[in-house]
Amino acid sequence: MSIGEVKATLGEARQLLEEGKTAVEGIGDSLNEAAGLMLATLHDSRREEAETARKAVAEAVREVKLALRAITAAQESGNDFGKALG
């Protein structure tokens, strides 16, 4: 594979990562909205199911944040590699 082909592949990867980031951000926005409604609905509930739901939502929010960090790290690594190629 030539340097030009590697650069082209990196360009495609950058585009796909940006599209993925946008999708995950949208999921995060929807999740935050749903979580707010759920937490407001369950705010006084002490039932085991309510606590399980709270934990599940907190974990989902955490996973979205981790996914966004991973995408950002991949973008930065790709950019650094592209710069090293010249």
PDB file of N, CA and C in Angstrom:
ATOM      1  N   MET A   1       0.851  -1.171   0.000  1.00  0.00           N
ATOM      2  CA  MET A   1       0.000   0.000   0.000  1.00  0.00           C
ATOM      3  C   MET A   1       0.897   1.236   0.000  1.00  0.00           C
ATOM      4  N   SER A   2       0.594   2.168  -0.856  1.00  0.00           N
ATOM      5  CA  SER A   2       1.398   3.392  -0.946  1.00  0.00           C
ATOM      6  C   SER A   2       0.972   4.392   0.136  1.00  0.00           C
ATOM      7  N   ILE A   3       1.815   5.401   0.331  1.00  0.00           N
ATOM      8  CA  ILE A   3       1.486   6.452   1.301  1.00  0.00           C
ATOM      9  C   ILE A   3       0.199   7.162   0.892  1.00  0.00           C
ATOM     10  N   GLY A   4       0.017   7.387  -0.397  1.00  0.00           N
ATOM     11  CA  GLY A   4      -1.214   8.017  -0.876  1.00  0.00           C
ATOM     12  C   GLY A   4      -2.442   7.190  -0.537  1.00  0.00           C
ATOM     13  N   GLU A   5      -2.324   5.889  -0.677  1.00  0.00           N
ATOM     14  CA  GLU A   5      -3.450   5.009  -0.345  1.00  0.00           C
ATOM     15  C   GLU A   5      -3.724   5.006   1.160  1.00  0.00           C
ATOM     16  N   VAL A   6      -2.658   5.043   1.936  1.00  0.00           N
ATOM     17  CA  VAL A   6      -2.824   5.106   3.389  1.00  0.00           C
ATOM     18  C   VAL A   6      -3.524   6.401   3.773  1.00  0.00           C
ATOM     19  N   LYS A   7      -3.116   7.506   3.179  1.00  0.00           N
ATOM     20  CA  LYS A   7      -3.748   8.802   3.473  1.00  0.00           C
ATOM     21  C   LYS A   7      -5.228   8.791   3.076  1.00  0.00           C
ATOM     22  N   ALA A   8      -5.526   8.185   1.928  1.00  0.00           N
ATOM     23  CA  ALA A   8      -6.921   8.095   1.497  1.00  0.00           C
ATOM     24  C   ALA A   8      -7.741   7.258   2.477  1.00  0.00           C
ATOM     25  N   THR A   9      -7.159   6.174   2.938  1.00  0.00           N
ATOM     26  CA  THR A   9      -7.845   5.325   3.913  1.00  0.00           C
ATOM     27  C   THR A   9      -8.052   6.068   5.229  1.00  0.00           C
ATOM     28  N   LEU A  10      -7.039   6.834   5.644  1.00  0.00           N
ATOM     29  CA  LEU A  10      -7.188   7.647   6.855  1.00  0.00           C
ATOM     30  C   LEU A  10      -8.299   8.686   6.695  1.00  0.00           C
ATOM     31  N   GLY A  11      -8.406   9.266   5.508  1.00  0.00           N
ATOM     32  CA  GLY A  11      -9.480  10.227   5.247  1.00  0.00           C
ATOM     33  C   GLY A  11     -10.846   9.583   5.374  1.00  0.00           C
ATOM     34  N   GLU A  12     -10.978   8.380   4.840  1.00  0.00           N
ATOM     35  CA  GLU A  12     -12.239   7.648   4.964  1.00  0.00           C
ATOM     36  C   GLU A  12     -12.531   7.328   6.426  1.00  0.00           C
ATOM     37  N   ALA A  13     -11.493   6.921   7.152  1.00  0.00           N
ATOM     38  CA  ALA A  13     -11.666   6.604   8.574  1.00  0.00           C
ATOM     39  C   ALA A  13     -12.107   7.834   9.354  1.00  0.00           C
ATOM     40  N   ARG A  14     -11.500   8.987   9.041  1.00  0.00           N
ATOM     41  CA  ARG A  14     -11.897  10.235   9.720  1.00  0.00           C
ATOM     42  C   ARG A  14     -13.375  10.527   9.495  1.00  0.00           C
ATOM     43  N   GLN A  15     -13.819  10.349   8.259  1.00  0.00           N
ATOM     44  CA  GLN A  15     -15.218  10.608   7.940  1.00  0.00           C
ATOM     45  C   GLN A  15     -16.137   9.645   8.693  1.00  0.00           C
ATOM     46  N   LEU A  16     -15.783   8.374   8.701  1.00  0.00           N
ATOM     47  CA  LEU A  16     -16.598   7.383   9.396  1.00  0.00           C
ATOM     48  C   LEU A  16     -16.616   7.625  10.905  1.00  0.00           C
ATOM     49  N   LEU A  17     -15.474   7.995  11.467  1.00  0.00           N
ATOM     50  CA  LEU A  17     -15.438   8.308  12.895  1.00  0.00           C
ATOM     51  C   LEU A  17     -16.308   9.515  13.217  1.00  0.00           C
ATOM     52  N   GLU A  18     -16.278  10.509  12.351  1.00  0.00           N
ATOM     53  CA  GLU A  18     -17.113  11.700  12.588  1.00  0.00           C
ATOM     54  C   GLU A  18     -18.594  11.339  12.512  1.00  0.00           C
ATOM     55  N   GLU A  19     -18.959  10.505  11.547  1.00  0.00           N
ATOM     56  CA  GLU A  19     -20.347  10.054  11.431  1.00  0.00           C
ATOM     57  C   GLU A  19     -20.746   9.243  12.669  1.00  0.00           C
ATOM     58  N   GLY A  20     -19.838   8.367  13.118  1.00  0.00           N
ATOM     59  CA  GLY A  20     -20.110   7.588  14.327  1.00  0.00           C
ATOM     60  C   GLY A  20     -20.264   8.471  15.549  1.00  0.00           C
ATOM     61  N   LYS A  21     -19.401   9.475  15.648  1.00  0.00           N
ATOM     62  CA  LYS A  21     -19.477  10.406  16.779  1.00  0.00           C
ATOM     63  C   LYS A  21     -20.806  11.139  16.790  1.00  0.00           C
ATOM     64  N   THR A  22     -21.235  11.584  15.625  1.00  0.00           N
ATOM     65  CA  THR A  22     -22.516  12.281  15.526  1.00  0.00           C
ATOM     66  C   THR A  22     -23.660  11.359  15.944  1.00  0.00           C
ATOM     67  N   ALA A  23     -23.607  10.112  15.510  1.00  0.00           N
ATOM     68  CA  ALA A  23     -24.657   9.147  15.874  1.00  0.00           C
ATOM     69  C   ALA A  23     -24.661   8.894  17.379  1.00  0.00           C
ATOM     70  N   VAL A  24     -23.490   8.685  17.971  1.00  0.00           N
ATOM     71  CA  VAL A  24     -23.414   8.417  19.404  1.00  0.00           C
ATOM     72  C   VAL A  24     -23.858   9.646  20.200  1.00  0.00           C
ATOM     73  N   GLU A  25     -23.517  10.835  19.736  1.00  0.00           N
ATOM     74  CA  GLU A  25     -23.979  12.054  20.409  1.00  0.00           C
ATOM     75  C   GLU A  25     -25.509  12.132  20.382  1.00  0.00           C
ATOM     76  N   GLY A  26     -26.097  11.761  19.257  1.00  0.00           N
ATOM     77  CA  GLY A  26     -27.565  11.747  19.158  1.00  0.00           C
ATOM     78  C   GLY A  26     -28.170  10.741  20.117  1.00  0.00           C
ATOM     79  N   ILE A  27     -27.554   9.580  20.209  1.00  0.00           N
ATOM     80  CA  ILE A  27     -28.014   8.567  21.162  1.00  0.00           C
ATOM     81  C   ILE A  27     -27.907   9.112  22.579  1.00  0.00           C
ATOM     82  N   GLY A  28     -26.795   9.764  22.873  1.00  0.00           N
ATOM     83  CA  GLY A  28     -26.613  10.347  24.201  1.00  0.00           C
ATOM     84  C   GLY A  28     -27.666  11.390  24.523  1.00  0.00           C
ATOM     85  N   ASP A  29     -27.987  12.232  23.560  1.00  0.00           N
ATOM     86  CA  ASP A  29     -29.027  13.243  23.769  1.00  0.00           C
ATOM     87  C   ASP A  29     -30.374  12.593  24.064  1.00  0.00           C
ATOM     88  N   SER A  30     -30.723  11.580  23.275  1.00  0.00           N
ATOM     89  CA  SER A  30     -31.992  10.871  23.492  1.00  0.00           C
ATOM     90  C   SER A  30     -31.991  10.155  24.835  1.00  0.00           C
ATOM     91  N   LEU A  31     -30.871   9.538  25.161  1.00  0.00           N
ATOM     92  CA  LEU A  31     -30.757   8.840  26.434  1.00  0.00           C
ATOM     93  C   LEU A  31     -30.891   9.808  27.599  1.00  0.00           C
ATOM     94  N   ASN A  32     -30.253  10.959  27.516  1.00  0.00           N
ATOM     95  CA  ASN A  32     -30.360  11.951  28.590  1.00  0.00           C
ATOM     96  C   ASN A  32     -31.790  12.432  28.769  1.00  0.00           C
ATOM     97  N   GLU A  33     -32.490  12.623  27.656  1.00  0.00           N
ATOM     98  CA  GLU A  33     -33.894  13.046  27.739  1.00  0.00           C
ATOM     99  C   GLU A  33     -34.745  11.959  28.396  1.00  0.00           C
ATOM    100  N   ALA A  34     -34.562  10.728  27.949  1.00  0.00           N
ATOM    101  CA  ALA A  34     -35.325   9.613  28.522  1.00  0.00           C
ATOM    102  C   ALA A  34     -34.974   9.409  29.997  1.00  0.00           C
ATOM    103  N   ALA A  35     -33.698   9.542  30.316  1.00  0.00           N
ATOM    104  CA  ALA A  35     -33.263   9.370  31.702  1.00  0.00           C
ATOM    105  C   ALA A  35     -33.887  10.431  32.604  1.00  0.00           C
ATOM    106  N   GLY A  36     -33.938  11.647  32.125  1.00  0.00           N
ATOM    107  CA  GLY A  36     -34.564  12.710  32.906  1.00  0.00           C
ATOM    108  C   GLY A  36     -36.023  12.421  33.203  1.00  0.00           C
ATOM    109  N   LEU A  37     -36.739  11.973  32.183  1.00  0.00           N
ATOM    110  CA  LEU A  37     -38.150  11.629  32.379  1.00  0.00           C
ATOM    111  C   LEU A  37     -38.296  10.445  33.336  1.00  0.00           C
ATOM    112  N   MET A  38     -37.462   9.435  33.156  1.00  0.00           N
ATOM    113  CA  MET A  38     -37.537   8.260  34.011  1.00  0.00           C
ATOM    114  C   MET A  38     -37.208   8.606  35.460  1.00  0.00           C
ATOM    115  N   LEU A  39     -36.144   9.373  35.653  1.00  0.00           N
ATOM    116  CA  LEU A  39     -35.759   9.730  37.014  1.00  0.00           C
ATOM    117  C   LEU A  39     -36.823  10.603  37.686  1.00  0.00           C
ATOM    118  N   ALA A  40     -37.452  11.476  36.930  1.00  0.00           N
ATOM    119  CA  ALA A  40     -38.533  12.287  37.492  1.00  0.00           C
ATOM    120  C   ALA A  40     -39.722  11.411  37.883  1.00  0.00           C
ATOM    121  N   THR A  41     -39.996  10.419  37.069  1.00  0.00           N
ATOM    122  CA  THR A  41     -41.117   9.520  37.346  1.00  0.00           C
ATOM    123  C   THR A  41     -40.836   8.649  38.570  1.00  0.00           C
ATOM    124  N   LEU A  42     -39.614   8.211  38.707  1.00  0.00           N
ATOM    125  CA  LEU A  42     -39.261   7.282  39.783  1.00  0.00           C
ATOM    126  C   LEU A  42     -38.655   7.955  41.012  1.00  0.00           C
ATOM    127  N   HIS A  43     -38.691   9.272  41.079  1.00  0.00           N
ATOM    128  CA  HIS A  43     -37.933   9.987  42.109  1.00  0.00           C
ATOM    129  C   HIS A  43     -38.248   9.537  43.537  1.00  0.00           C
ATOM    130  N   ASP A  44     -39.458   9.151  43.848  1.00  0.00           N
ATOM    131  CA  ASP A  44     -39.805   8.732  45.213  1.00  0.00           C
ATOM    132  C   ASP A  44     -39.859   7.217  45.370  1.00  0.00           C
ATOM    133  N   SER A  45     -39.677   6.496  44.320  1.00  0.00           N
ATOM    134  CA  SER A  45     -39.831   5.045  44.389  1.00  0.00           C
ATOM    135  C   SER A  45     -38.631   4.394  45.062  1.00  0.00           C
ATOM    136  N   ARG A  46     -38.911   3.495  45.959  1.00  0.00           N
ATOM    137  CA  ARG A  46     -37.878   2.719  46.645  1.00  0.00           C
ATOM    138  C   ARG A  46     -37.929   1.249  46.221  1.00  0.00           C
ATOM    139  N   ARG A  47     -38.743   0.953  45.235  1.00  0.00           N
ATOM    140  CA  ARG A  47     -38.868  -0.424  44.767  1.00  0.00           C
ATOM    141  C   ARG A  47     -37.567  -0.884  44.141  1.00  0.00           C
ATOM    142  N   GLU A  48     -37.332  -2.166  44.222  1.00  0.00           N
ATOM    143  CA  GLU A  48     -36.111  -2.746  43.668  1.00  0.00           C
ATOM    144  C   GLU A  48     -36.018  -2.495  42.163  1.00  0.00           C
ATOM    145  N   GLU A  49     -37.144  -2.575  41.473  1.00  0.00           N
ATOM    146  CA  GLU A  49     -37.148  -2.353  40.031  1.00  0.00           C
ATOM    147  C   GLU A  49     -36.734  -0.930  39.678  1.00  0.00           C
ATOM    148  N   ALA A  50     -37.142   0.022  40.488  1.00  0.00           N
ATOM    149  CA  ALA A  50     -36.778   1.419  40.250  1.00  0.00           C
ATOM    150  C   ALA A  50     -35.270   1.615  40.425  1.00  0.00           C
ATOM    151  N   GLU A  51     -34.722   0.998  41.455  1.00  0.00           N
ATOM    152  CA  GLU A  51     -33.284   1.115  41.684  1.00  0.00           C
ATOM    153  C   GLU A  51     -32.501   0.440  40.562  1.00  0.00           C
ATOM    154  N   THR A  52     -32.990  -0.691  40.101  1.00  0.00           N
ATOM    155  CA  THR A  52     -32.355  -1.382  38.978  1.00  0.00           C
ATOM    156  C   THR A  52     -32.381  -0.510  37.729  1.00  0.00           C
ATOM    157  N   ALA A  53     -33.509   0.152  37.489  1.00  0.00           N
ATOM    158  CA  ALA A  53     -33.634   1.038  36.327  1.00  0.00           C
ATOM    159  C   ALA A  53     -32.684   2.228  36.440  1.00  0.00           C
ATOM    160  N   ARG A  54     -32.574   2.791  37.630  1.00  0.00           N
ATOM    161  CA  ARG A  54     -31.649   3.916  37.830  1.00  0.00           C
ATOM    162  C   ARG A  54     -30.206   3.509  37.529  1.00  0.00           C
ATOM    163  N   LYS A  55     -29.827   2.345  38.018  1.00  0.00           N
ATOM    164  CA  LYS A  55     -28.469   1.860  37.777  1.00  0.00           C
ATOM    165  C   LYS A  55     -28.234   1.585  36.297  1.00  0.00           C
ATOM    166  N   ALA A  56     -29.226   1.026  35.630  1.00  0.00           N
ATOM    167  CA  ALA A  56     -29.086   0.722  34.199  1.00  0.00           C
ATOM    168  C   ALA A  56     -28.921   2.000  33.387  1.00  0.00           C
ATOM    169  N   VAL A  57     -29.679   3.018  33.716  1.00  0.00           N
ATOM    170  CA  VAL A  57     -29.573   4.289  32.991  1.00  0.00           C
ATOM    171  C   VAL A  57     -28.217   4.934  33.253  1.00  0.00           C
ATOM    172  N   ALA A  58     -27.773   4.903  34.499  1.00  0.00           N
ATOM    173  CA  ALA A  58     -26.465   5.476  34.814  1.00  0.00           C
ATOM    174  C   ALA A  58     -25.360   4.751  34.043  1.00  0.00           C
ATOM    175  N   GLU A  59     -25.462   3.442  33.935  1.00  0.00           N
ATOM    176  CA  GLU A  59     -24.472   2.665  33.187  1.00  0.00           C
ATOM    177  C   GLU A  59     -24.532   2.998  31.698  1.00  0.00           C
ATOM    178  N   ALA A  60     -25.727   3.162  31.160  1.00  0.00           N
ATOM    179  CA  ALA A  60     -25.873   3.508  29.742  1.00  0.00           C
ATOM    180  C   ALA A  60     -25.258   4.877  29.457  1.00  0.00           C
ATOM    181  N   VAL A  61     -25.493   5.831  30.329  1.00  0.00           N
ATOM    182  CA  VAL A  61     -24.909   7.174  30.173  1.00  0.00           C
ATOM    183  C   VAL A  61     -23.388   7.075  30.220  1.00  0.00           C
ATOM    184  N   ARG A  62     -22.879   6.270  31.141  1.00  0.00           N
ATOM    185  CA  ARG A  62     -21.433   6.076  31.256  1.00  0.00           C
ATOM    186  C   ARG A  62     -20.864   5.470  29.974  1.00  0.00           C
ATOM    187  N   GLU A  63     -21.532   4.495  29.411  1.00  0.00           N
ATOM    188  CA  GLU A  63     -21.054   3.845  28.192  1.00  0.00           C
ATOM    189  C   GLU A  63     -21.030   4.805  27.010  1.00  0.00           C
ATOM    190  N   VAL A  64     -22.018   5.687  26.921  1.00  0.00           N
ATOM    191  CA  VAL A  64     -22.029   6.686  25.844  1.00  0.00           C
ATOM    192  C   VAL A  64     -20.815   7.604  25.986  1.00  0.00           C
ATOM    193  N   LYS A  65     -20.550   8.032  27.208  1.00  0.00           N
ATOM    194  CA  LYS A  65     -19.387   8.902  27.442  1.00  0.00           C
ATOM    195  C   LYS A  65     -18.088   8.184  27.076  1.00  0.00           C
ATOM    196  N   LEU A  66     -17.989   6.916  27.453  1.00  0.00           N
ATOM    197  CA  LEU A  66     -16.788   6.142  27.116  1.00  0.00           C
ATOM    198  C   LEU A  66     -16.637   5.979  25.601  1.00  0.00           C
ATOM    199  N   ALA A  67     -17.750   5.735  24.917  1.00  0.00           N
ATOM    200  CA  ALA A  67     -17.703   5.589  23.459  1.00  0.00           C
ATOM    201  C   ALA A  67     -17.224   6.880  22.809  1.00  0.00           C
ATOM    202  N   LEU A  68     -17.716   8.007  23.293  1.00  0.00           N
ATOM    203  CA  LEU A  68     -17.286   9.291  22.729  1.00  0.00           C
ATOM    204  C   LEU A  68     -15.802   9.541  22.995  1.00  0.00           C
ATOM    205  N   ARG A  69     -15.320   9.162  24.167  1.00  0.00           N
ATOM    206  CA  ARG A  69     -13.891   9.306  24.452  1.00  0.00           C
ATOM    207  C   ARG A  69     -13.056   8.423  23.538  1.00  0.00           C
ATOM    208  N   ALA A  70     -13.527   7.207  23.306  1.00  0.00           N
ATOM    209  CA  ALA A  70     -12.797   6.281  22.426  1.00  0.00           C
ATOM    210  C   ALA A  70     -12.755   6.809  20.998  1.00  0.00           C
ATOM    211  N   ILE A  71     -13.861   7.363  20.529  1.00  0.00           N
ATOM    212  CA  ILE A  71     -13.898   7.925  19.179  1.00  0.00           C
ATOM    213  C   ILE A  71     -12.940   9.109  19.075  1.00  0.00           C
ATOM    214  N   THR A  72     -12.956   9.969  20.072  1.00  0.00           N
ATOM    215  CA  THR A  72     -12.060  11.126  20.069  1.00  0.00           C
ATOM    216  C   THR A  72     -10.600  10.676  20.075  1.00  0.00           C
ATOM    217  N   ALA A  73     -10.279   9.664  20.868  1.00  0.00           N
ATOM    218  CA  ALA A  73      -8.905   9.152  20.904  1.00  0.00           C
ATOM    219  C   ALA A  73      -8.513   8.573  19.555  1.00  0.00           C
ATOM    220  N   ALA A  74      -9.423   7.870  18.906  1.00  0.00           N
ATOM    221  CA  ALA A  74      -9.132   7.309  17.585  1.00  0.00           C
ATOM    222  C   ALA A  74      -8.915   8.422  16.561  1.00  0.00           C
ATOM    223  N   GLN A  75      -9.722   9.466  16.641  1.00  0.00           N
ATOM    224  CA  GLN A  75      -9.551  10.594  15.731  1.00  0.00           C
ATOM    225  C   GLN A  75      -8.194  11.249  15.930  1.00  0.00           C
ATOM    226  N   GLU A  76      -7.814  11.458  17.171  1.00  0.00           N
ATOM    227  CA  GLU A  76      -6.524  12.097  17.460  1.00  0.00           C
ATOM    228  C   GLU A  76      -5.365  11.226  16.986  1.00  0.00           C
ATOM    229  N   SER A  77      -5.464   9.922  17.213  1.00  0.00           N
ATOM    230  CA  SER A  77      -4.401   9.013  16.763  1.00  0.00           C
ATOM    231  C   SER A  77      -4.284   9.016  15.242  1.00  0.00           C
ATOM    232  N   GLY A  78      -5.430   8.992  14.569  1.00  0.00           N
ATOM    233  CA  GLY A  78      -5.421   9.036  13.107  1.00  0.00           C
ATOM    234  C   GLY A  78      -4.825  10.319  12.581  1.00  0.00           C
ATOM    235  N   ASN A  79      -5.175  11.423  13.217  1.00  0.00           N
ATOM    236  CA  ASN A  79      -4.615  12.717  12.808  1.00  0.00           C
ATOM    237  C   ASN A  79      -3.100  12.752  13.010  1.00  0.00           C
ATOM    238  N   ASP A  80      -2.646  12.233  14.145  1.00  0.00           N
ATOM    239  CA  ASP A  80      -1.208  12.197  14.418  1.00  0.00           C
ATOM    240  C   ASP A  80      -0.485  11.331  13.389  1.00  0.00           C
ATOM    241  N   PHE A  81      -1.067  10.191  13.069  1.00  0.00           N
ATOM    242  CA  PHE A  81      -0.455   9.300  12.091  1.00  0.00           C
ATOM    243  C   PHE A  81      -0.409   9.970  10.716  1.00  0.00           C
ATOM    244  N   GLY A  82      -1.503  10.646  10.355  1.00  0.00           N
ATOM    245  CA  GLY A  82      -1.541  11.353   9.067  1.00  0.00           C
ATOM    246  C   GLY A  82      -0.469  12.438   8.985  1.00  0.00           C
ATOM    247  N   LYS A  83      -0.282  13.168  10.078  1.00  0.00           N
ATOM    248  CA  LYS A  83       0.756  14.197  10.112  1.00  0.00           C
ATOM    249  C   LYS A  83       2.148  13.587   9.995  1.00  0.00           C
ATOM    250  N   ALA A  84       2.329  12.426  10.605  1.00  0.00           N
ATOM    251  CA  ALA A  84       3.639  11.762  10.542  1.00  0.00           C
ATOM    252  C   ALA A  84       3.952  11.294   9.127  1.00  0.00           C
ATOM    253  N   LEU A  85       2.905  10.991   8.359  1.00  0.00           N
ATOM    254  CA  LEU A  85       3.103  10.564   6.981  1.00  0.00           C
ATOM    255  C   LEU A  85       3.499  11.713   6.061  1.00  0.00           C
ATOM    256  N   GLY A  86       3.128  12.915   6.500  1.00  0.00           N
ATOM    257  CA  GLY A  86       3.498  14.090   5.708  1.00  0.00           C
ATOM    258  C   GLY A  86       2.421  14.607   4.820  1.00  0.00           C
TER     259      GLY A  86
END
